[in-house]
Amino acid sequence: MRVFLKIHVRNEFETVAACDEDLLNQVFKEGNLKIEISSHFFGGILIQLEEAIDILKQASSFNIVGKNLINKAIDCELLPKEGFRSINGVPMAMKMMF
């Protein structure tokens, strides 16, 4: 399994954005909630899921989307089982540490 991963740096603060490969450039809506999985934000390098998890383990801030990525993050204890939200069946999670 592969995911797109992009690291954003602003004022020395890094945010890792990652999504399942098949979700890039899609928009999901549910009620008043919406997530746009744009190539601008998520479309970095295409890497193996395990490599992305290694990068996410080091990240103080991340935004991740997709069943494969979320399930692996839970399995690796990066997220608690209740640590994500779904929009139209697509799970997403954010982590921020200051």
N, C-alpha and C. Protein backbone atom coordinates (compact mmCIF):
# COMPACT_ATOMS: atom_id res chain seq x y z
N MET A 1 0.84 -1.18 0.00
CA MET A 1 0.00 0.00 0.00
C MET A 1 0.88 1.24 0.00
N ARG A 2 0.44 2.24 -0.74
CA ARG A 2 1.21 3.48 -0.82
C ARG A 2 0.35 4.67 -0.40
N VAL A 3 1.03 5.71 0.03
CA VAL A 3 0.36 6.95 0.43
C VAL A 3 1.13 8.14 -0.13
N PHE A 4 0.42 9.23 -0.32
CA PHE A 4 1.07 10.49 -0.65
C PHE A 4 1.44 11.17 0.66
N LEU A 5 2.62 11.76 0.72
CA LEU A 5 3.07 12.43 1.93
C LEU A 5 3.79 13.71 1.55
N LYS A 6 3.48 14.78 2.26
CA LYS A 6 4.11 16.08 2.03
C LYS A 6 4.38 16.72 3.38
N ILE A 7 5.57 17.29 3.53
CA ILE A 7 5.94 17.97 4.77
C ILE A 7 5.91 19.47 4.51
N HIS A 8 5.10 20.16 5.30
CA HIS A 8 4.99 21.62 5.20
C HIS A 8 5.80 22.23 6.35
N VAL A 9 6.58 23.25 6.03
CA VAL A 9 7.37 23.93 7.05
C VAL A 9 7.01 25.41 7.02
N ARG A 10 6.65 25.91 8.21
CA ARG A 10 6.34 27.33 8.34
C ARG A 10 6.85 27.79 9.70
N ASN A 11 7.73 28.79 9.68
CA ASN A 11 8.32 29.30 10.91
C ASN A 11 8.93 28.19 11.76
N GLU A 12 9.66 27.30 11.12
CA GLU A 12 10.34 26.18 11.77
C GLU A 12 9.38 25.16 12.37
N PHE A 13 8.11 25.24 12.06
CA PHE A 13 7.10 24.30 12.54
C PHE A 13 6.71 23.40 11.38
N GLU A 14 6.85 22.09 11.56
CA GLU A 14 6.54 21.14 10.50
C GLU A 14 5.19 20.47 10.71
N THR A 15 4.45 20.35 9.62
CA THR A 15 3.22 19.58 9.60
C THR A 15 3.33 18.56 8.48
N VAL A 16 3.08 17.31 8.82
CA VAL A 16 3.11 16.24 7.84
C VAL A 16 1.68 15.99 7.37
N ALA A 17 1.47 16.04 6.07
CA ALA A 17 0.17 15.74 5.47
C ALA A 17 0.31 14.44 4.70
N ALA A 18 -0.60 13.50 4.92
CA ALA A 18 -0.53 12.21 4.22
C ALA A 18 -1.93 11.68 3.97
N CYS A 19 -2.08 10.99 2.84
CA CYS A 19 -3.38 10.39 2.50
C CYS A 19 -3.15 9.10 1.73
N ASP A 20 -4.14 8.21 1.81
CA ASP A 20 -4.12 7.01 1.00
C ASP A 20 -4.02 7.41 -0.48
N GLU A 21 -3.30 6.62 -1.23
CA GLU A 21 -3.01 6.94 -2.63
C GLU A 21 -4.27 7.23 -3.45
N ASP A 22 -5.33 6.48 -3.24
CA ASP A 22 -6.53 6.61 -4.07
C ASP A 22 -7.41 7.81 -3.72
N LEU A 23 -7.06 8.56 -2.69
CA LEU A 23 -7.91 9.68 -2.25
C LEU A 23 -7.47 11.05 -2.78
N LEU A 24 -6.27 11.13 -3.34
CA LEU A 24 -5.75 12.43 -3.78
C LEU A 24 -6.69 13.08 -4.80
N ASN A 25 -6.89 14.38 -4.63
CA ASN A 25 -7.73 15.22 -5.50
C ASN A 25 -9.21 14.86 -5.46
N GLN A 26 -9.66 14.40 -4.30
CA GLN A 26 -11.08 14.13 -4.12
C GLN A 26 -11.63 15.02 -3.00
N VAL A 27 -12.94 15.24 -3.04
CA VAL A 27 -13.62 16.03 -2.03
C VAL A 27 -14.72 15.18 -1.43
N PHE A 28 -14.82 15.19 -0.10
CA PHE A 28 -15.85 14.42 0.59
C PHE A 28 -16.65 15.38 1.47
N LYS A 29 -17.98 15.24 1.42
CA LYS A 29 -18.88 16.10 2.19
C LYS A 29 -19.86 15.24 2.96
N GLU A 30 -20.22 15.74 4.13
CA GLU A 30 -21.24 15.10 4.95
C GLU A 30 -21.87 16.20 5.80
N GLY A 31 -23.11 16.53 5.51
CA GLY A 31 -23.74 17.64 6.23
C GLY A 31 -22.95 18.92 5.99
N ASN A 32 -22.57 19.57 7.09
CA ASN A 32 -21.80 20.81 6.95
C ASN A 32 -20.29 20.56 7.01
N LEU A 33 -19.87 19.31 7.01
CA LEU A 33 -18.45 18.97 7.03
C LEU A 33 -17.95 18.69 5.62
N LYS A 34 -16.71 19.07 5.37
CA LYS A 34 -16.11 18.88 4.05
C LYS A 34 -14.61 18.69 4.22
N ILE A 35 -14.05 17.76 3.48
CA ILE A 35 -12.60 17.64 3.41
C ILE A 35 -12.20 17.55 1.94
N GLU A 36 -11.26 18.42 1.58
CA GLU A 36 -10.72 18.44 0.23
C GLU A 36 -9.29 17.90 0.30
N ILE A 37 -9.07 16.80 -0.35
CA ILE A 37 -7.75 16.16 -0.31
C ILE A 37 -6.99 16.61 -1.56
N SER A 38 -6.52 17.83 -1.49
CA SER A 38 -5.90 18.48 -2.65
C SER A 38 -4.46 18.04 -2.84
N SER A 39 -4.02 18.08 -4.10
CA SER A 39 -2.62 17.77 -4.38
C SER A 39 -1.71 18.86 -3.84
N HIS A 40 -2.23 20.07 -3.69
CA HIS A 40 -1.44 21.16 -3.13
C HIS A 40 -1.02 20.86 -1.69
N PHE A 41 -1.93 20.33 -0.89
CA PHE A 41 -1.63 20.07 0.51
C PHE A 41 -1.08 18.66 0.75
N PHE A 42 -1.67 17.66 0.12
CA PHE A 42 -1.30 16.26 0.38
C PHE A 42 -0.37 15.67 -0.68
N GLY A 43 -0.31 16.25 -1.86
CA GLY A 43 0.36 15.63 -2.99
C GLY A 43 1.87 15.79 -3.03
N GLY A 44 2.53 15.20 -2.12
CA GLY A 44 3.99 15.24 -2.12
C GLY A 44 4.55 14.01 -2.81
N ILE A 45 5.30 13.22 -2.08
CA ILE A 45 5.91 12.02 -2.63
C ILE A 45 4.98 10.83 -2.39
N LEU A 46 5.06 9.86 -3.27
CA LEU A 46 4.29 8.63 -3.14
C LEU A 46 5.22 7.58 -2.56
N ILE A 47 4.90 7.14 -1.33
CA ILE A 47 5.78 6.21 -0.62
C ILE A 47 4.98 5.06 -0.03
N GLN A 48 5.69 4.04 0.42
CA GLN A 48 5.05 2.90 1.06
C GLN A 48 4.45 3.32 2.41
N LEU A 49 3.37 2.69 2.78
CA LEU A 49 2.67 2.99 4.02
C LEU A 49 3.59 2.90 5.23
N GLU A 50 4.43 1.88 5.29
CA GLU A 50 5.32 1.70 6.43
C GLU A 50 6.32 2.85 6.56
N GLU A 51 6.82 3.35 5.43
CA GLU A 51 7.74 4.48 5.46
C GLU A 51 7.03 5.74 5.96
N ALA A 52 5.79 5.92 5.55
CA ALA A 52 5.01 7.07 6.01
C ALA A 52 4.79 6.99 7.53
N ILE A 53 4.51 5.82 8.04
CA ILE A 53 4.31 5.65 9.48
C ILE A 53 5.59 6.02 10.23
N ASP A 54 6.75 5.62 9.73
CA ASP A 54 8.02 5.99 10.37
C ASP A 54 8.18 7.51 10.44
N ILE A 55 7.79 8.20 9.38
CA ILE A 55 7.87 9.67 9.37
C ILE A 55 6.86 10.26 10.34
N LEU A 56 5.64 9.73 10.36
CA LEU A 56 4.60 10.23 11.26
C LEU A 56 4.96 10.03 12.73
N LYS A 57 5.68 8.98 13.04
CA LYS A 57 6.09 8.74 14.42
C LYS A 57 6.98 9.86 14.94
N GLN A 58 7.71 10.52 14.07
CA GLN A 58 8.62 11.60 14.45
C GLN A 58 7.95 12.97 14.42
N ALA A 59 6.75 13.05 13.85
CA ALA A 59 6.08 14.34 13.63
C ALA A 59 5.38 14.85 14.88
N SER A 60 5.52 16.15 15.14
CA SER A 60 4.78 16.75 16.25
C SER A 60 3.40 17.22 15.78
N SER A 61 3.23 17.31 14.47
CA SER A 61 1.94 17.73 13.92
C SER A 61 1.70 16.98 12.61
N PHE A 62 0.50 16.39 12.49
CA PHE A 62 0.18 15.76 11.21
C PHE A 62 -1.31 15.83 10.93
N ASN A 63 -1.62 15.65 9.65
CA ASN A 63 -2.98 15.60 9.15
C ASN A 63 -3.01 14.40 8.21
N ILE A 64 -3.77 13.35 8.58
CA ILE A 64 -3.79 12.13 7.79
C ILE A 64 -5.21 11.75 7.42
N VAL A 65 -5.34 11.14 6.23
CA VAL A 65 -6.66 10.79 5.71
C VAL A 65 -6.59 9.43 5.02
N GLY A 66 -7.59 8.60 5.27
CA GLY A 66 -7.71 7.34 4.55
C GLY A 66 -7.75 6.14 5.48
N LYS A 67 -8.50 5.12 5.08
CA LYS A 67 -8.68 3.94 5.91
C LYS A 67 -7.37 3.21 6.17
N ASN A 68 -6.56 3.02 5.14
CA ASN A 68 -5.30 2.28 5.32
C ASN A 68 -4.37 3.02 6.27
N LEU A 69 -4.23 4.30 6.07
CA LEU A 69 -3.33 5.11 6.88
C LEU A 69 -3.82 5.22 8.33
N ILE A 70 -5.09 5.46 8.52
CA ILE A 70 -5.66 5.59 9.87
C ILE A 70 -5.55 4.25 10.62
N ASN A 71 -5.92 3.15 9.95
CA ASN A 71 -5.84 1.83 10.61
C ASN A 71 -4.41 1.50 11.02
N LYS A 72 -3.44 1.80 10.16
CA LYS A 72 -2.04 1.52 10.49
C LYS A 72 -1.58 2.43 11.64
N ALA A 73 -2.02 3.68 11.64
CA ALA A 73 -1.65 4.61 12.72
C ALA A 73 -2.22 4.13 14.06
N ILE A 74 -3.42 3.57 14.05
CA ILE A 74 -4.01 3.01 15.27
C ILE A 74 -3.23 1.76 15.70
N ASP A 75 -2.93 0.89 14.74
CA ASP A 75 -2.17 -0.33 15.05
C ASP A 75 -0.80 -0.01 15.66
N CYS A 76 -0.19 1.09 15.22
CA CYS A 76 1.14 1.49 15.71
C CYS A 76 1.06 2.42 16.92
N GLU A 77 -0.15 2.62 17.41
CA GLU A 77 -0.41 3.46 18.59
C GLU A 77 -0.04 4.93 18.39
N LEU A 78 -0.11 5.40 17.13
CA LEU A 78 0.02 6.83 16.87
C LEU A 78 -1.28 7.56 17.18
N LEU A 79 -2.38 6.82 17.11
CA LEU A 79 -3.71 7.34 17.40
C LEU A 79 -4.45 6.36 18.30
N PRO A 80 -5.30 6.86 19.19
CA PRO A 80 -6.21 5.95 19.90
C PRO A 80 -7.32 5.50 18.95
N LYS A 81 -7.99 4.42 19.27
CA LYS A 81 -9.07 3.92 18.41
C LYS A 81 -10.17 4.95 18.19
N GLU A 82 -10.33 5.86 19.15
CA GLU A 82 -11.36 6.90 19.03
C GLU A 82 -10.78 8.20 18.49
N GLY A 83 -9.56 8.18 17.99
CA GLY A 83 -8.84 9.40 17.65
C GLY A 83 -9.00 9.89 16.23
N PHE A 84 -10.09 9.53 15.58
CA PHE A 84 -10.32 10.01 14.22
C PHE A 84 -11.78 10.35 14.01
N ARG A 85 -12.03 11.06 12.94
CA ARG A 85 -13.38 11.45 12.54
C ARG A 85 -13.59 11.01 11.11
N SER A 86 -14.76 10.55 10.77
CA SER A 86 -15.07 10.17 9.39
C SER A 86 -15.98 11.20 8.75
N ILE A 87 -15.70 11.49 7.52
CA ILE A 87 -16.57 12.34 6.70
C ILE A 87 -16.96 11.53 5.49
N ASN A 88 -18.24 11.22 5.40
CA ASN A 88 -18.77 10.40 4.32
C ASN A 88 -18.00 9.09 4.19
N GLY A 89 -17.67 8.48 5.32
CA GLY A 89 -16.99 7.19 5.34
C GLY A 89 -15.49 7.24 5.20
N VAL A 90 -14.93 8.43 5.04
CA VAL A 90 -13.48 8.57 4.89
C VAL A 90 -12.89 9.07 6.22
N PRO A 91 -12.07 8.24 6.88
CA PRO A 91 -11.52 8.66 8.18
C PRO A 91 -10.38 9.66 8.03
N MET A 92 -10.32 10.56 9.00
CA MET A 92 -9.25 11.56 9.03
C MET A 92 -8.86 11.82 10.47
N ALA A 93 -7.62 12.27 10.67
CA ALA A 93 -7.16 12.59 12.02
C ALA A 93 -6.10 13.67 11.94
N MET A 94 -6.00 14.44 13.01
CA MET A 94 -4.98 15.46 13.13
C MET A 94 -4.30 15.32 14.48
N LYS A 95 -3.03 15.66 14.50
CA LYS A 95 -2.25 15.69 15.73
C LYS A 95 -1.51 17.01 15.76
N MET A 96 -1.58 17.69 16.90
CA MET A 96 -0.85 18.93 17.08
C MET A 96 -0.24 18.95 18.45
N MET A 97 1.04 19.19 18.53
CA MET A 97 1.72 19.33 19.82
C MET A 97 2.53 20.61 19.77
N PHE A 98 2.44 21.38 20.83
CA PHE A 98 3.16 22.66 20.87
C PHE A 98 4.16 22.65 22.00
